[in-house]
């Protein structure tokens, strides 16, 4: 298992992250699979957006505007 809540809490108690970058590193170090999963979700939605834009461009190119 990737996430051990007791271990994460212990790590937090031993060295509490104070800055945004320290909090980011803390999460990356203590839940790497969770971070990886969120990255995959982000890539999925980026792909959906790109496909939607490509489809709109294609549809626009097929529409004939009367003079």
N, C-alpha and C. Protein backbone atom coordinates (compact mmCIF):
# COMPACT_ATOMS: atom_id res chain seq x y z
N UNK A 1 0.84 -1.18 0.00
CA UNK A 1 0.00 0.00 0.00
C UNK A 1 0.89 1.24 0.00
N UNK A 2 0.44 2.26 -0.70
CA UNK A 2 1.20 3.50 -0.86
C UNK A 2 1.08 4.41 0.36
N UNK A 3 -0.07 4.45 0.96
CA UNK A 3 -0.32 5.46 1.98
C UNK A 3 -0.50 4.81 3.35
N UNK A 4 0.38 5.14 4.27
CA UNK A 4 0.30 4.66 5.64
C UNK A 4 0.04 5.87 6.52
N UNK A 5 -1.23 6.08 6.87
CA UNK A 5 -1.63 7.28 7.60
C UNK A 5 -0.87 7.49 8.89
N UNK A 6 -0.62 6.40 9.63
CA UNK A 6 0.11 6.52 10.90
C UNK A 6 1.54 7.00 10.64
N UNK A 7 2.17 6.45 9.61
CA UNK A 7 3.54 6.84 9.27
C UNK A 7 3.59 8.29 8.79
N UNK A 8 2.61 8.68 7.98
CA UNK A 8 2.56 10.06 7.48
C UNK A 8 2.38 11.02 8.66
N UNK A 9 1.50 10.67 9.57
CA UNK A 9 1.28 11.54 10.74
C UNK A 9 2.56 11.64 11.57
N UNK A 10 3.24 10.52 11.74
CA UNK A 10 4.51 10.53 12.47
C UNK A 10 5.53 11.43 11.77
N UNK A 11 5.63 11.30 10.44
CA UNK A 11 6.54 12.15 9.67
C UNK A 11 6.18 13.63 9.82
N UNK A 12 4.88 13.89 9.83
CA UNK A 12 4.41 15.27 9.98
C UNK A 12 4.78 15.81 11.37
N UNK A 13 4.58 14.99 12.39
CA UNK A 13 4.92 15.41 13.75
C UNK A 13 6.42 15.67 13.89
N UNK A 14 7.23 14.86 13.22
CA UNK A 14 8.69 14.99 13.32
C UNK A 14 9.20 16.23 12.60
N UNK A 15 8.57 16.58 11.49
CA UNK A 15 9.03 17.74 10.74
C UNK A 15 7.85 18.33 9.96
N UNK A 16 7.18 19.28 10.57
CA UNK A 16 6.01 19.89 9.94
C UNK A 16 6.46 20.84 8.82
N UNK A 17 5.92 20.63 7.64
CA UNK A 17 6.25 21.54 6.53
C UNK A 17 5.65 22.92 6.78
N UNK A 18 6.44 23.93 6.53
CA UNK A 18 6.00 25.30 6.83
C UNK A 18 5.71 26.13 5.58
N UNK A 19 6.41 25.88 4.51
CA UNK A 19 6.20 26.66 3.28
C UNK A 19 5.42 25.82 2.28
N UNK A 20 4.96 26.49 1.24
CA UNK A 20 4.23 25.79 0.18
C UNK A 20 5.11 24.71 -0.44
N UNK A 21 6.36 25.04 -0.73
CA UNK A 21 7.25 24.05 -1.37
C UNK A 21 7.53 22.88 -0.42
N UNK A 22 7.65 23.15 0.88
CA UNK A 22 7.85 22.05 1.84
C UNK A 22 6.62 21.16 1.91
N UNK A 23 5.42 21.76 1.86
CA UNK A 23 4.19 20.95 1.88
C UNK A 23 4.09 20.10 0.62
N UNK A 24 4.45 20.68 -0.51
CA UNK A 24 4.42 19.93 -1.77
C UNK A 24 5.37 18.74 -1.70
N UNK A 25 6.57 18.96 -1.23
CA UNK A 25 7.55 17.87 -1.10
C UNK A 25 7.08 16.83 -0.10
N UNK A 26 6.46 17.26 0.98
CA UNK A 26 5.95 16.34 1.98
C UNK A 26 4.94 15.38 1.34
N UNK A 27 4.01 15.92 0.57
CA UNK A 27 3.00 15.08 -0.07
C UNK A 27 3.65 14.16 -1.10
N UNK A 28 4.57 14.69 -1.90
CA UNK A 28 5.26 13.86 -2.90
C UNK A 28 6.00 12.70 -2.24
N UNK A 29 6.61 12.96 -1.09
CA UNK A 29 7.37 11.93 -0.39
C UNK A 29 6.49 10.93 0.35
N UNK A 30 5.35 11.37 0.83
CA UNK A 30 4.52 10.52 1.67
C UNK A 30 3.35 9.86 0.94
N UNK A 31 3.04 10.30 -0.25
CA UNK A 31 1.96 9.70 -1.03
C UNK A 31 2.29 9.77 -2.52
N UNK A 32 3.40 9.17 -2.94
CA UNK A 32 3.82 9.29 -4.34
C UNK A 32 2.82 8.71 -5.34
N UNK A 33 2.15 7.63 -4.97
CA UNK A 33 1.17 7.06 -5.91
C UNK A 33 -0.06 7.95 -6.02
N UNK A 34 -0.44 8.60 -4.94
CA UNK A 34 -1.55 9.55 -4.99
C UNK A 34 -1.22 10.72 -5.89
N UNK A 35 0.01 11.23 -5.77
CA UNK A 35 0.46 12.33 -6.62
C UNK A 35 0.47 11.88 -8.08
N UNK A 36 0.97 10.68 -8.31
CA UNK A 36 1.02 10.14 -9.67
C UNK A 36 -0.39 10.00 -10.25
N UNK A 37 -1.32 9.53 -9.43
CA UNK A 37 -2.71 9.40 -9.88
C UNK A 37 -3.32 10.74 -10.25
N UNK A 38 -3.04 11.76 -9.44
CA UNK A 38 -3.56 13.10 -9.75
C UNK A 38 -2.93 13.64 -11.03
N UNK A 39 -1.66 13.35 -11.25
CA UNK A 39 -1.00 13.76 -12.50
C UNK A 39 -1.68 13.10 -13.70
N UNK A 40 -2.03 11.81 -13.54
CA UNK A 40 -2.70 11.10 -14.64
C UNK A 40 -4.07 11.71 -14.93
N UNK A 41 -4.80 12.07 -13.88
CA UNK A 41 -6.12 12.70 -14.06
C UNK A 41 -5.96 14.03 -14.78
N UNK A 42 -4.96 14.80 -14.39
CA UNK A 42 -4.71 16.09 -15.05
C UNK A 42 -4.41 15.89 -16.54
N UNK A 43 -3.59 14.89 -16.87
CA UNK A 43 -3.28 14.61 -18.27
C UNK A 43 -4.52 14.18 -19.03
N UNK A 44 -5.38 13.39 -18.39
CA UNK A 44 -6.62 12.94 -19.00
C UNK A 44 -7.49 14.14 -19.39
N UNK A 45 -7.69 15.07 -18.44
CA UNK A 45 -8.52 16.24 -18.73
C UNK A 45 -7.87 17.16 -19.75
N UNK A 46 -6.56 17.29 -19.72
CA UNK A 46 -5.86 18.07 -20.75
C UNK A 46 -6.11 17.46 -22.13
N UNK A 47 -6.08 16.13 -22.20
CA UNK A 47 -6.36 15.45 -23.46
C UNK A 47 -7.78 15.69 -23.93
N UNK A 48 -8.74 15.65 -23.00
CA UNK A 48 -10.13 15.93 -23.36
C UNK A 48 -10.28 17.34 -23.91
N UNK A 49 -9.63 18.31 -23.25
CA UNK A 49 -9.71 19.69 -23.73
C UNK A 49 -9.13 19.81 -25.13
N UNK A 50 -7.97 19.17 -25.35
CA UNK A 50 -7.33 19.25 -26.67
C UNK A 50 -8.23 18.63 -27.73
N UNK A 51 -8.82 17.48 -27.42
CA UNK A 51 -9.73 16.83 -28.38
C UNK A 51 -10.93 17.71 -28.67
N UNK A 52 -11.48 18.37 -27.65
CA UNK A 52 -12.64 19.24 -27.85
C UNK A 52 -12.28 20.42 -28.74
N UNK A 53 -11.13 21.01 -28.51
CA UNK A 53 -10.69 22.15 -29.33
C UNK A 53 -10.47 21.68 -30.76
N UNK A 54 -9.79 20.55 -30.94
CA UNK A 54 -9.55 20.02 -32.29
C UNK A 54 -10.87 19.77 -33.01
N UNK A 55 -11.85 19.22 -32.29
CA UNK A 55 -13.14 18.93 -32.91
C UNK A 55 -13.86 20.22 -33.29
N UNK A 56 -13.79 21.25 -32.44
CA UNK A 56 -14.42 22.53 -32.77
C UNK A 56 -13.76 23.17 -33.98
N UNK A 57 -12.46 23.08 -34.08
CA UNK A 57 -11.75 23.64 -35.23
C UNK A 57 -12.18 22.90 -36.50
N UNK A 58 -12.30 21.58 -36.40
CA UNK A 58 -12.73 20.79 -37.55
C UNK A 58 -14.15 21.17 -37.97
N UNK A 59 -15.05 21.28 -36.99
CA UNK A 59 -16.43 21.67 -37.31
C UNK A 59 -16.49 23.05 -37.92
N UNK A 60 -15.71 23.97 -37.39
CA UNK A 60 -15.69 25.33 -37.92
C UNK A 60 -15.22 25.34 -39.38
N UNK A 61 -14.24 24.51 -39.69
CA UNK A 61 -13.73 24.48 -41.05
C UNK A 61 -14.73 23.89 -42.03
N UNK A 62 -15.70 23.10 -41.52
CA UNK A 62 -16.71 22.49 -42.39
C UNK A 62 -17.93 23.40 -42.61
N UNK A 63 -18.08 24.40 -41.73
CA UNK A 63 -19.24 25.29 -41.84
C UNK A 63 -18.98 26.32 -42.94
N UNK A 64 -19.94 26.45 -43.85
CA UNK A 64 -19.82 27.44 -44.91
C UNK A 64 -20.63 28.66 -44.52
N UNK A 65 -19.98 29.79 -44.54
CA UNK A 65 -20.64 31.04 -44.20
C UNK A 65 -21.15 31.68 -45.47
N UNK A 66 -22.46 31.94 -45.54
CA UNK A 66 -23.02 32.56 -46.76
C UNK A 66 -22.52 34.00 -46.93
N UNK A 67 -22.40 34.39 -48.18
CA UNK A 67 -21.94 35.77 -48.50
C UNK A 67 -23.07 36.74 -48.43
